[in-house]
Amino acid sequence: MGRLKKTTTDGIAAMSIRLPVAIRDEIAKQASFNRRSLNQEILWLLEKALRMSDPAPATKDSQQSG
């Protein structure tokens, strides 16, 4: 896991990570295609992955049946 280096007043934490060159190159290609920086592309991909992994919120009906 990367180490937190610095947190700014706007809540941004700097960290370094190690990636296989092939993955870094693929993300860089996608970033260029999407007209984003490498950092912006990585953030977008992480946010997308986190949204996809969140379990669906329980509905009122599913909470009552149990």
Protein backbone atom coordinates (compact mmCIF):
# COMPACT_ATOMS: atom_id res chain seq x y z
CA MET A 1 0.00 0.00 0.00
CA GLY A 2 1.26 3.50 -0.74
CA ARG A 3 2.31 5.75 2.11
CA LEU A 4 0.51 9.01 2.68
CA LYS A 5 3.04 11.78 2.23
CA LYS A 6 1.10 14.96 2.70
CA THR A 7 -2.49 16.03 3.14
CA THR A 8 -3.37 19.52 2.03
CA THR A 9 -6.06 21.77 3.47
CA ASP A 10 -8.36 20.84 0.57
CA GLY A 11 -8.31 17.16 1.60
CA ILE A 12 -5.94 15.92 -1.09
CA ALA A 13 -3.41 13.28 -0.02
CA ALA A 14 -0.26 12.74 -2.05
CA MET A 15 0.98 9.17 -2.37
CA SER A 16 3.09 7.06 -4.65
CA ILE A 17 2.18 3.64 -5.98
CA ARG A 18 3.98 1.02 -8.03
CA LEU A 19 2.33 -0.16 -11.23
CA PRO A 20 3.47 -2.65 -13.82
CA VAL A 21 4.68 -0.72 -16.87
CA ALA A 22 2.03 -2.33 -19.09
CA ILE A 23 -0.80 -1.11 -16.83
CA ARG A 24 0.70 2.37 -16.57
CA ASP A 25 1.03 2.54 -20.34
CA GLU A 26 -2.57 1.39 -20.87
CA ILE A 27 -3.87 4.00 -18.42
CA ALA A 28 -1.73 6.65 -20.13
CA LYS A 29 -3.25 5.69 -23.52
CA GLN A 30 -6.75 5.95 -22.10
CA ALA A 31 -5.91 9.28 -20.48
CA SER A 32 -4.68 10.67 -23.77
CA PHE A 33 -7.78 9.41 -25.60
CA ASN A 34 -10.03 10.94 -22.91
CA ARG A 35 -7.99 14.17 -22.85
CA ARG A 36 -7.17 13.77 -19.17
CA SER A 37 -3.90 13.77 -17.28
CA LEU A 38 -2.61 10.45 -16.02
CA ASN A 39 -3.59 11.49 -12.49
CA GLN A 40 -7.12 12.46 -13.57
CA GLU A 41 -7.55 9.16 -15.41
CA ILE A 42 -6.40 7.13 -12.40
CA LEU A 43 -8.80 9.03 -10.14
CA TRP A 44 -11.67 8.52 -12.59
CA LEU A 45 -10.95 4.78 -12.80
CA LEU A 46 -10.71 4.42 -9.02
CA GLU A 47 -13.96 6.32 -8.47
CA LYS A 48 -15.69 4.19 -11.11
CA ALA A 49 -14.42 0.96 -9.50
CA LEU A 50 -15.52 2.11 -6.05
CA ARG A 51 -19.03 2.96 -7.29
CA MET A 52 -19.30 -0.46 -8.93
CA SER A 53 -18.20 -2.28 -5.77
CA ASP A 54 -20.66 -0.52 -3.43
CA PRO A 55 -23.49 -2.84 -2.45
CA ALA A 56 -26.93 -1.62 -3.43
CA PRO A 57 -28.53 0.34 -0.60
CA ALA A 58 -31.14 -1.64 1.27
CA THR A 59 -34.69 -0.67 0.42
CA LYS A 60 -37.42 -0.17 2.99
CA ASP A 61 -39.13 -3.39 1.82
CA SER A 62 -36.00 -5.53 2.20
CA GLN A 63 -35.39 -4.18 5.71
CA GLN A 64 -38.89 -5.14 6.86
CA SER A 65 -38.81 -8.68 5.48
CA GLY A 66 -36.56 -10.39 7.83
